[in-house]
Amino acid sequence: MADDDTERLLHDVAERASLYLASLDQRPVAPTPAAVEALAELAGPVPPIGMGSADVIAQLDRIGGPATMASAGPRYFGFVTGGSLPAALAANWLAGAWDQNSFSSVSSPLGAALTRIAVEWLVDLLGLPAGTGGALVTGATMANFTALAAARRAVLKTAGWDVDADGLAGAPRLTVVVGAEAHAALFKALGMLGLGRNNVTTVPADDEGRMRADRLPEFDGPTILCLQAGNVNSGAFDPAAELIPAARRQGVWVHVDGAFGLWAAVAPGRRSLTAGFEQADSWALDAHKWLNVPYDSGAALVRNPQGLADALSINAAYIMPGADADPIDFSPESSQRMRGVEIWAAIKALGRAGIADLVVRNCHQASRLAAGLEAAGIEVLNEVVLNQVLASFGPGDATERAIAALQASGVCWCGGTSWRGRPAMRISVSSWATQDKDIDVSLAEMIRVKSMV
């Protein structure tokens, strides 16, 4: 392609993307069945002759755009998904044009620098110990995996076993302690690490999903204690201030799955929820949730970053070391996109005050929505301490039917879950784009749906 063709193509894409974003407030949040069916046009055999780039983009926009979830819009309340902040989205586009492989300062000085800065800023914002370091990864699942790889190596080394050299066969038994409401991503990470999804000691949880400190078992031998900052259903926090000190005194590695809940540390009035979590050894975090950067973006943070390097560094003759520690030495990935640019742009654009305002506003909106549901006779099943609301629309399959009707209406989108053995609508308010008027419109639709089921 000639340079002028590339320029025209990128201007065309920018215009199409802008029109798409401008339409989100008017279009259904979920795609119509017809739009989903039209995706079949994108399939078929590999074309024998290529289509011009402008035509490729036109077809993708025409067929793909209507089939997307409007998760970038103001009334998407599923999966704790934040929309992309304008600065983060624009930085993502620019990084795509730069096409950097950000594994080291040799492969990309900018990519390595932004990774380092982004990690430092995250540590500062979350109030974690000075010297904490980490890696930028795809999301909380990989962040849990990454941090737990460091944990596995460290606790087995203390027990006299080199898991990197000798593997797990014959290793001392490693105990993993989790709460009864631990997130499924944690178990996936344990399975990938060879520690076993089911090979855990489970501590009972209270009615809000918090690990019960009075039921914590005695620790014996190499142990990892996994806590949760922000239950994925209720938003509740394990009592870290009670759990962590005793565990660390006994040499237990404490890991925190804080995909979205750790962001409460930034917000006055919610910061107390995270009290004690800074005493842990490692933390898993998402940036594509409450920091509202594009997918995919997560962070694995470790009190002693050398533990990550010990578990994950790589050596090859062709990999030239940079002047500073390189991202490749702290991450499971070798090649990696420039995730740091979006985190940097979001934090730079919002500042500490802006991030705090985003978290506080979403929490207030969740509380407002919960109050409106209760006033309309819709049962709220959790104590709304953060941005998560669980609602029941009645006995039997009433809640499932309400969820289906709400999703079909296109006004807003909420998913379903099971809470204490009951079906529940799961509402996550996590987007910078959500305004109070969007809460009002969504609440009215939920009430209308209640009258139908």
Protein backbone atom coordinates (compact mmCIF):
# COMPACT_ATOMS: atom_id res chain seq x y z
CA MET A 1 0.00 0.00 0.00
CA ALA A 2 1.18 3.49 -0.77
CA ASP A 3 1.64 5.91 2.13
CA ASP A 4 -1.31 8.02 1.06
CA ASP A 5 -3.51 4.90 1.01
CA THR A 6 -2.49 4.09 4.58
CA GLU A 7 -3.27 7.63 5.69
CA ARG A 8 -6.71 7.55 4.09
CA LEU A 9 -7.42 4.14 5.60
CA LEU A 10 -6.53 5.26 9.14
CA HIS A 11 -8.61 8.42 8.81
CA ASP A 12 -11.51 6.25 7.61
CA VAL A 13 -11.12 3.91 10.60
CA ALA A 14 -11.00 6.84 13.02
CA GLU A 15 -14.21 8.26 11.57
CA ARG A 16 -15.97 4.89 11.71
CA ALA A 17 -14.84 4.30 15.30
CA SER A 18 -15.99 7.77 16.34
CA LEU A 19 -19.42 7.23 14.77
CA TYR A 20 -19.69 3.88 16.56
CA LEU A 21 -18.92 5.42 19.94
CA ALA A 22 -21.34 8.28 19.32
CA SER A 23 -24.12 5.79 18.58
CA LEU A 24 -23.77 3.73 21.77
CA ASP A 25 -26.26 5.73 23.79
CA GLN A 26 -28.96 5.22 21.15
CA ARG A 27 -28.41 1.59 20.10
CA PRO A 28 -29.45 -1.56 22.00
CA VAL A 29 -26.81 -2.66 24.48
CA ALA A 30 -26.95 -6.24 23.19
CA PRO A 31 -26.84 -6.97 19.45
CA THR A 32 -30.04 -8.04 17.75
CA PRO A 33 -30.42 -11.68 16.63
CA ALA A 34 -30.28 -10.50 13.02
CA ALA A 35 -26.94 -8.79 13.62
CA VAL A 36 -25.51 -11.95 15.15
CA GLU A 37 -26.81 -14.08 12.28
CA ALA A 38 -25.16 -11.72 9.79
CA LEU A 39 -21.73 -12.68 11.18
CA ALA A 40 -21.92 -15.76 8.94
CA GLU A 41 -20.99 -13.43 6.08
CA LEU A 42 -17.52 -13.07 7.61
CA ALA A 43 -16.90 -16.81 7.31
CA GLY A 44 -16.39 -19.03 4.25
CA PRO A 45 -13.24 -20.29 2.57
CA VAL A 46 -10.00 -18.32 2.45
CA PRO A 47 -10.44 -15.89 -0.47
CA PRO A 48 -8.25 -16.76 -3.47
CA ILE A 49 -7.64 -13.07 -4.16
CA GLY A 50 -7.36 -10.42 -1.47
CA MET A 51 -9.84 -7.60 -1.04
CA GLY A 52 -8.65 -4.01 -0.89
CA SER A 53 -7.94 -2.76 2.63
CA ALA A 54 -10.62 -0.06 2.50
CA ASP A 55 -13.22 -2.67 1.48
CA VAL A 56 -12.06 -5.00 4.25
CA ILE A 57 -12.61 -2.29 6.86
CA ALA A 58 -15.95 -1.30 5.35
CA GLN A 59 -17.21 -4.89 5.49
CA LEU A 60 -15.91 -5.38 9.04
CA ASP A 61 -17.60 -2.20 10.20
CA ARG A 62 -20.86 -2.96 8.41
CA ILE A 63 -21.18 -6.51 9.75
CA GLY A 64 -19.11 -6.42 12.91
CA GLY A 65 -20.20 -3.16 14.51
CA PRO A 66 -23.90 -4.08 14.90
CA ALA A 67 -22.92 -7.49 16.37
CA THR A 68 -20.88 -6.06 19.24
CA MET A 69 -21.93 -5.71 22.84
CA ALA A 70 -22.12 -2.01 23.67
CA SER A 71 -19.79 -2.59 26.61
CA ALA A 72 -18.08 0.74 25.91
CA GLY A 73 -21.38 2.50 26.56
CA PRO A 74 -23.01 3.74 29.77
CA ARG A 75 -25.53 0.96 30.49
CA TYR A 76 -23.47 -2.21 30.27
CA PHE A 77 -23.40 -3.72 33.77
CA GLY A 78 -22.00 -7.16 33.02
CA PHE A 79 -18.80 -8.89 34.16
CA VAL A 80 -17.36 -5.85 36.03
CA THR A 81 -16.49 -4.36 32.67
CA GLY A 82 -15.34 -0.76 32.42
CA GLY A 83 -15.56 1.21 29.19
CA SER A 84 -12.38 2.56 27.66
CA LEU A 85 -11.46 6.08 28.72
CA PRO A 86 -10.90 8.35 25.70
CA ALA A 87 -7.21 8.89 26.56
CA ALA A 88 -6.63 5.16 27.03
CA LEU A 89 -8.40 4.30 23.78
CA ALA A 90 -6.43 6.90 21.83
CA ALA A 91 -3.18 5.64 23.38
CA ASN A 92 -4.17 2.12 22.32
CA TRP A 93 -4.60 3.27 18.71
CA LEU A 94 -1.27 5.06 18.74
CA ALA A 95 0.46 2.01 20.23
CA GLY A 96 -1.05 -0.14 17.48
CA ALA A 97 0.57 2.10 14.90
CA TRP A 98 3.89 1.98 16.75
CA ASP A 99 3.70 -1.85 16.75
CA GLN A 100 6.18 -2.34 19.59
CA ASN A 101 7.26 -5.65 21.09
CA SER A 102 7.69 -4.41 24.63
CA PHE A 103 9.58 -7.29 26.22
CA SER A 104 12.75 -5.28 26.85
CA SER A 105 14.37 -1.88 26.62
CA VAL A 106 16.35 -3.23 23.66
CA SER A 107 13.25 -4.29 21.71
CA SER A 108 11.34 -1.14 22.75
CA PRO A 109 12.81 1.52 25.04
CA LEU A 110 9.39 3.19 25.23
CA GLY A 111 7.52 -0.04 25.94
CA ALA A 112 9.86 -1.05 28.76
CA ALA A 113 9.78 2.45 30.27
CA LEU A 114 5.99 2.64 30.23
CA THR A 115 5.72 -0.80 31.82
CA ARG A 116 8.01 0.29 34.65
CA ILE A 117 6.18 3.61 35.15
CA ALA A 118 2.73 1.97 35.02
CA VAL A 119 3.71 -0.58 37.66
CA GLU A 120 5.19 2.13 39.90
CA TRP A 121 2.03 4.23 39.58
CA LEU A 122 -0.24 1.27 40.34
CA VAL A 123 1.77 0.45 43.46
CA ASP A 124 1.52 4.08 44.59
CA LEU A 125 -2.21 4.41 43.90
CA LEU A 126 -3.06 1.19 45.73
CA GLY A 127 -0.94 2.00 48.76
CA LEU A 128 1.24 -1.10 48.42
CA PRO A 129 4.68 -1.37 50.07
CA ALA A 130 7.57 0.62 48.62
CA GLY A 131 9.70 -1.56 46.38
CA THR A 132 6.78 -3.66 45.15
CA GLY A 133 7.19 -4.55 41.49
CA GLY A 134 5.46 -6.64 38.92
CA ALA A 135 4.35 -7.43 35.40
CA LEU A 136 1.62 -6.26 33.07
CA VAL A 137 -0.35 -9.24 31.79
CA THR A 138 -3.62 -10.04 30.05
CA GLY A 139 -5.92 -9.91 33.07
CA ALA A 140 -6.56 -11.20 36.57
CA THR A 141 -6.40 -14.87 35.58
CA MET A 142 -2.86 -14.46 34.27
CA ALA A 143 -2.04 -12.06 37.11
CA ASN A 144 -3.02 -14.75 39.63
CA PHE A 145 -0.97 -17.29 37.70
CA THR A 146 2.06 -15.00 37.57
CA ALA A 147 2.03 -14.03 41.24
CA LEU A 148 1.34 -17.60 42.35
CA ALA A 149 4.28 -18.83 40.26
CA ALA A 150 6.49 -16.62 42.42
CA ALA A 151 4.70 -17.86 45.54
CA ARG A 152 5.09 -21.53 44.59
CA ARG A 153 8.82 -21.12 44.02
CA ALA A 154 9.39 -19.13 47.21
CA VAL A 155 7.58 -21.41 49.66
CA LEU A 156 9.07 -24.58 48.18
CA LYS A 157 12.53 -23.04 48.24
CA THR A 158 12.06 -22.35 51.95
CA ALA A 159 11.23 -26.05 52.32
CA GLY A 160 14.47 -26.96 50.50
CA TRP A 161 12.99 -27.76 47.09
CA ASP A 162 13.94 -26.18 43.74
CA VAL A 163 10.73 -26.44 41.73
CA ASP A 164 12.28 -24.81 38.65
CA ALA A 165 14.97 -27.45 38.42
CA ASP A 166 13.15 -30.50 39.76
CA GLY A 167 9.46 -29.89 39.07
CA LEU A 168 6.65 -30.88 41.41
CA ALA A 169 7.13 -34.66 41.37
CA GLY A 170 8.51 -35.56 44.76
CA ALA A 171 8.24 -32.02 46.11
CA PRO A 172 7.09 -31.36 49.69
CA ARG A 173 3.33 -31.07 49.90
CA LEU A 174 2.27 -27.47 49.28
CA THR A 175 -0.97 -26.40 50.92
CA VAL A 176 -3.16 -23.76 49.26
CA VAL A 177 -5.81 -22.22 51.51
CA VAL A 178 -8.76 -20.46 49.85
CA GLY A 179 -12.12 -19.07 50.88
CA ALA A 180 -15.36 -20.80 49.98
CA GLU A 181 -16.21 -17.90 47.65
CA ALA A 182 -12.83 -17.70 45.85
CA HIS A 183 -13.07 -16.72 42.18
CA ALA A 184 -12.94 -19.39 39.48
CA ALA A 185 -9.92 -17.66 37.90
CA LEU A 186 -7.87 -18.52 40.97
CA PHE A 187 -8.60 -22.22 40.54
CA LYS A 188 -7.72 -22.03 36.87
CA ALA A 189 -4.35 -20.53 37.82
CA LEU A 190 -3.76 -23.27 40.40
CA GLY A 191 -4.50 -25.89 37.76
CA MET A 192 -2.08 -24.35 35.26
CA LEU A 193 0.62 -24.26 37.94
CA GLY A 194 0.24 -27.96 38.67
CA LEU A 195 -1.00 -27.28 42.20
CA GLY A 196 -4.46 -28.69 41.47
CA ARG A 197 -7.83 -27.01 41.18
CA ASN A 198 -9.27 -29.31 43.84
CA ASN A 199 -6.14 -29.74 45.95
CA VAL A 200 -7.04 -26.86 48.29
CA THR A 201 -8.07 -26.32 51.89
CA THR A 202 -11.33 -24.37 51.85
CA VAL A 203 -12.26 -21.96 54.63
CA PRO A 204 -16.00 -21.29 55.13
CA ALA A 205 -17.36 -17.88 54.17
CA ASP A 206 -19.99 -15.72 55.83
CA ASP A 207 -23.24 -14.60 54.21
CA GLU A 208 -21.46 -11.88 52.20
CA GLY A 209 -18.76 -14.25 50.89
CA ARG A 210 -16.01 -13.13 53.28
CA MET A 211 -13.55 -15.72 54.54
CA ARG A 212 -14.24 -16.43 58.21
CA ALA A 213 -11.13 -15.63 60.24
CA ASP A 214 -12.34 -17.83 63.11
CA ARG A 215 -12.29 -20.88 60.82
CA LEU A 216 -8.77 -20.45 59.49
CA PRO A 217 -6.86 -23.74 59.86
CA GLU A 218 -3.46 -24.22 61.46
CA PHE A 219 -0.65 -23.79 58.93
CA ASP A 220 1.79 -26.65 58.52
CA GLY A 221 4.58 -26.76 55.94
CA PRO A 222 4.79 -24.80 52.67
CA THR A 223 1.54 -22.82 52.45
CA ILE A 224 -0.07 -20.15 50.26
CA LEU A 225 -3.09 -18.30 51.66
CA CYS A 226 -5.29 -16.76 48.95
CA LEU A 227 -7.54 -13.87 49.96
CA GLN A 228 -10.12 -11.90 48.00
CA ALA A 229 -10.46 -8.14 47.79
CA GLY A 230 -13.88 -7.66 46.21
CA ASN A 231 -16.06 -10.75 45.87
CA VAL A 232 -17.10 -11.09 42.23
CA ASN A 233 -20.77 -11.33 43.23
CA SER A 234 -21.23 -9.30 46.41
CA GLY A 235 -18.18 -7.02 46.32
CA ALA A 236 -17.26 -8.07 49.88
CA PHE A 237 -13.68 -8.16 51.20
CA ASP A 238 -12.00 -10.88 53.24
CA PRO A 239 -10.91 -9.58 56.69
CA ALA A 240 -7.27 -9.08 55.73
CA ALA A 241 -6.29 -7.24 58.89
CA GLU A 242 -7.22 -10.32 60.92
CA LEU A 243 -5.92 -12.96 58.53
CA ILE A 244 -2.60 -11.73 57.19
CA PRO A 245 -0.43 -10.94 60.24
CA ALA A 246 -0.71 -14.43 61.75
CA ALA A 247 -0.13 -16.05 58.37
CA ARG A 248 3.01 -14.07 57.61
CA ARG A 249 4.44 -14.71 61.07
CA GLN A 250 4.29 -18.42 60.25
CA GLY A 251 6.05 -17.98 56.90
CA VAL A 252 2.89 -18.35 54.86
CA TRP A 253 2.80 -16.53 51.51
CA VAL A 254 -0.35 -14.40 51.31
CA HIS A 255 -1.76 -13.70 47.86
CA VAL A 256 -4.65 -11.35 47.09
CA ASP A 257 -7.04 -11.70 44.18
CA GLY A 258 -8.10 -8.07 43.91
CA ALA A 259 -9.17 -7.87 40.28
CA PHE A 260 -11.47 -4.90 40.81
CA GLY A 261 -11.84 -4.52 44.58
CA LEU A 262 -8.32 -3.25 45.21
CA TRP A 263 -9.29 -0.04 43.43
CA ALA A 264 -11.28 0.86 46.55
CA ALA A 265 -7.93 1.84 48.06
CA VAL A 266 -7.96 4.94 45.85
CA ALA A 267 -11.33 6.23 47.06
CA PRO A 268 -11.93 8.11 50.31
CA GLY A 269 -14.77 6.49 52.17
CA ARG A 270 -14.07 3.09 50.59
CA ARG A 271 -10.37 2.81 51.47
CA SER A 272 -11.16 1.13 54.79
CA LEU A 273 -12.40 -1.91 52.86
CA THR A 274 -8.83 -2.61 51.77
CA ALA A 275 -7.29 -2.20 55.25
CA GLY A 276 -4.65 -4.85 55.86
CA PHE A 277 -4.34 -6.04 52.28
CA GLU A 278 -1.12 -4.06 51.88
CA GLN A 279 0.51 -6.58 54.24
CA ALA A 280 0.24 -9.38 51.67
CA ASP A 281 3.07 -10.75 49.54
CA SER A 282 1.38 -10.51 46.14
CA TRP A 283 -1.66 -9.03 44.45
CA ALA A 284 -3.57 -9.69 41.20
CA LEU A 285 -5.29 -6.73 39.55
CA ASP A 286 -7.25 -5.83 36.43
CA ALA A 287 -6.84 -2.48 34.69
CA HIS A 288 -9.58 -3.17 32.13
CA LYS A 289 -12.10 -3.15 34.95
CA TRP A 290 -12.15 -0.02 37.11
CA LEU A 291 -9.26 1.84 35.51
CA ASN A 292 -11.27 1.63 32.27
CA VAL A 293 -8.52 0.82 29.78
CA PRO A 294 -9.04 -1.34 26.67
CA TYR A 295 -8.88 -5.11 26.86
CA ASP A 296 -6.74 -6.89 27.74
CA SER A 297 -4.88 -5.44 30.70
CA GLY A 298 -3.95 -6.79 34.11
CA ALA A 299 -1.10 -6.58 36.61
CA ALA A 300 0.68 -9.06 38.85
CA LEU A 301 2.33 -7.22 41.75
CA VAL A 302 4.79 -8.79 44.20
CA ARG A 303 6.26 -7.32 47.38
CA ASN A 304 9.69 -8.69 46.43
CA PRO A 305 9.84 -8.47 42.62
CA GLN A 306 12.98 -10.59 42.59
CA GLY A 307 10.65 -13.49 43.34
CA LEU A 308 8.99 -12.94 39.97
CA ALA A 309 12.33 -12.77 38.22
CA ASP A 310 13.47 -15.97 39.93
CA ALA A 311 10.37 -17.81 38.76
CA LEU A 312 9.88 -16.34 35.28
CA SER A 313 13.12 -14.95 33.83
CA ILE A 314 14.42 -16.26 30.54
CA ASN A 315 17.90 -16.66 29.10
CA ALA A 316 18.78 -16.97 25.44
CA ALA A 317 21.85 -15.95 23.48
CA TYR A 318 19.86 -13.67 21.16
CA ILE A 319 18.10 -11.76 23.98
CA MET A 320 20.23 -8.73 24.73
CA PRO A 321 19.74 -7.50 28.29
CA GLY A 322 18.71 -3.89 28.74
CA ALA A 323 20.20 -1.39 31.11
CA ASP A 324 17.34 -1.95 33.58
CA ALA A 325 15.26 -4.96 34.54
CA ASP A 326 13.21 -5.96 31.50
CA PRO A 327 9.50 -6.86 31.39
CA ILE A 328 10.33 -10.27 29.91
CA ASP A 329 11.99 -11.27 33.19
CA PHE A 330 8.86 -10.71 35.28
CA SER A 331 6.13 -12.04 33.00
CA PRO A 332 5.08 -15.44 31.63
CA GLU A 333 4.99 -13.88 28.19
CA SER A 334 8.03 -13.23 26.06
CA SER A 335 6.56 -11.16 23.24
CA GLN A 336 4.10 -8.68 24.71
CA ARG A 337 2.13 -5.71 23.50
CA MET A 338 2.57 -2.25 25.00
CA ARG A 339 -0.01 -2.50 27.79
CA GLY A 340 1.75 0.16 29.80
CA VAL A 341 0.77 2.92 27.40
CA GLU A 342 -2.95 2.63 28.18
CA ILE A 343 -2.45 2.46 31.94
CA TRP A 344 -0.08 5.43 31.76
CA ALA A 345 -2.56 7.41 29.65
CA ALA A 346 -5.52 6.64 31.93
CA ILE A 347 -3.69 7.61 35.11
CA LYS A 348 -2.17 10.69 33.47
CA ALA A 349 -5.57 11.83 32.19
CA LEU A 350 -7.52 11.24 35.40
CA GLY A 351 -4.93 11.78 38.10
CA ARG A 352 -5.40 10.45 41.60
CA ALA A 353 -8.47 12.64 42.16
CA GLY A 354 -10.13 11.57 38.93
CA ILE A 355 -9.66 7.86 39.62
CA ALA A 356 -11.04 8.35 43.13
CA ASP A 357 -14.04 10.20 41.69
CA LEU A 358 -14.69 7.37 39.19
CA VAL A 359 -14.69 4.72 41.92
CA VAL A 360 -16.79 6.79 44.34
CA ARG A 361 -19.32 7.73 41.64
CA ASN A 362 -19.82 4.13 40.52
CA CYS A 363 -20.23 3.00 44.14
CA HIS A 364 -22.84 5.69 44.76
CA GLN A 365 -24.63 4.69 41.56
CA ALA A 366 -24.70 1.04 42.67
CA SER A 367 -26.16 2.06 46.04
CA ARG A 368 -28.73 4.28 44.32
CA LEU A 369 -29.76 1.45 42.04
CA ALA A 370 -30.04 -0.98 44.96
CA ALA A 371 -32.22 1.45 46.90
CA GLY A 372 -34.50 1.90 43.90
CA LEU A 373 -34.84 -1.86 43.43
CA GLU A 374 -35.74 -2.40 47.07
CA ALA A 375 -38.29 0.43 46.96
CA ALA A 376 -39.92 -1.34 44.01
CA GLY A 377 -40.16 -4.63 45.90
CA ILE A 378 -37.19 -6.29 44.19
CA GLU A 379 -35.03 -8.08 46.77
CA VAL A 380 -31.37 -7.07 47.02
CA LEU A 381 -29.40 -10.07 48.26
CA ASN A 382 -26.11 -8.47 49.27
CA GLU A 383 -24.83 -5.65 51.41
CA VAL A 384 -23.87 -3.11 48.75
CA VAL A 385 -20.42 -2.03 49.93
CA LEU A 386 -18.87 -1.39 46.54
CA ASN A 387 -20.15 -1.50 42.95
CA GLN A 388 -21.88 -4.89 42.95
CA VAL A 389 -25.62 -5.44 43.33
CA LEU A 390 -27.34 -8.84 43.48
CA ALA A 391 -31.09 -8.83 42.88
CA SER A 392 -33.82 -11.46 43.07
CA PHE A 393 -37.04 -10.98 41.13
CA GLY A 394 -39.02 -13.66 42.93
CA PRO A 395 -39.33 -17.41 43.44
CA GLY A 396 -38.85 -20.13 40.87
CA ASP A 397 -37.41 -19.01 37.55
CA ALA A 398 -38.60 -15.40 37.89
CA THR A 399 -35.05 -14.03 38.10
CA GLU A 400 -33.85 -15.94 35.04
CA ARG A 401 -36.85 -14.68 33.08
CA ALA A 402 -36.20 -11.13 34.27
CA ILE A 403 -32.57 -11.32 33.14
CA ALA A 404 -33.58 -12.65 29.71
CA ALA A 405 -36.23 -9.94 29.30
CA LEU A 406 -33.85 -7.20 30.38
CA GLN A 407 -31.14 -8.34 27.98
CA ALA A 408 -33.64 -8.60 25.14
CA SER A 409 -34.93 -5.09 25.78
CA GLY A 410 -31.57 -3.57 24.88
CA VAL A 411 -31.95 -0.81 27.46
CA CYS A 412 -29.16 -2.19 29.63
CA TRP A 413 -27.34 -5.49 30.11
CA CYS A 414 -26.89 -7.49 33.31
CA GLY A 415 -25.82 -11.09 33.75
CA GLY A 416 -26.91 -13.82 36.08
CA THR A 417 -25.28 -15.76 38.89
CA SER A 418 -26.11 -17.99 41.83
CA TRP A 419 -25.87 -16.56 45.34
CA ARG A 420 -26.39 -18.65 48.45
CA GLY A 421 -28.20 -21.21 46.36
CA ARG A 422 -30.54 -18.68 44.74
CA PRO A 423 -30.55 -17.31 41.21
CA ALA A 424 -29.63 -13.64 41.10
CA MET A 425 -29.22 -10.80 38.63
CA ARG A 426 -25.63 -9.57 38.92
CA ILE A 427 -25.20 -5.83 38.35
CA SER A 428 -21.70 -4.32 38.11
CA VAL A 429 -21.37 -0.55 37.84
CA SER A 430 -17.83 0.01 36.59
CA SER A 431 -17.78 2.47 33.69
CA TRP A 432 -16.61 6.06 33.48
CA ALA A 433 -19.41 6.62 30.93
CA THR A 434 -22.26 5.75 33.32
CA GLN A 435 -24.19 8.79 34.48
CA ASP A 436 -26.98 9.03 37.04
CA LYS A 437 -29.50 9.30 34.21
CA ASP A 438 -28.34 5.88 32.97
CA ILE A 439 -29.02 4.43 36.41
CA ASP A 440 -32.51 5.95 36.34
CA VAL A 441 -33.29 4.58 32.87
CA SER A 442 -31.95 1.13 33.79
CA LEU A 443 -33.85 1.07 37.09
CA ALA A 444 -37.09 1.93 35.33
CA GLU A 445 -36.55 -0.93 32.89
CA MET A 446 -35.79 -3.39 35.69
CA ILE A 447 -38.99 -2.38 37.43
CA ARG A 448 -40.92 -2.79 34.18
CA VAL A 449 -39.43 -6.25 33.72
CA LYS A 450 -40.43 -7.16 37.29
CA SER A 451 -44.05 -6.46 36.42
CA MET A 452 -43.79 -8.92 33.52
CA VAL A 453 -42.37 -11.89 35.43
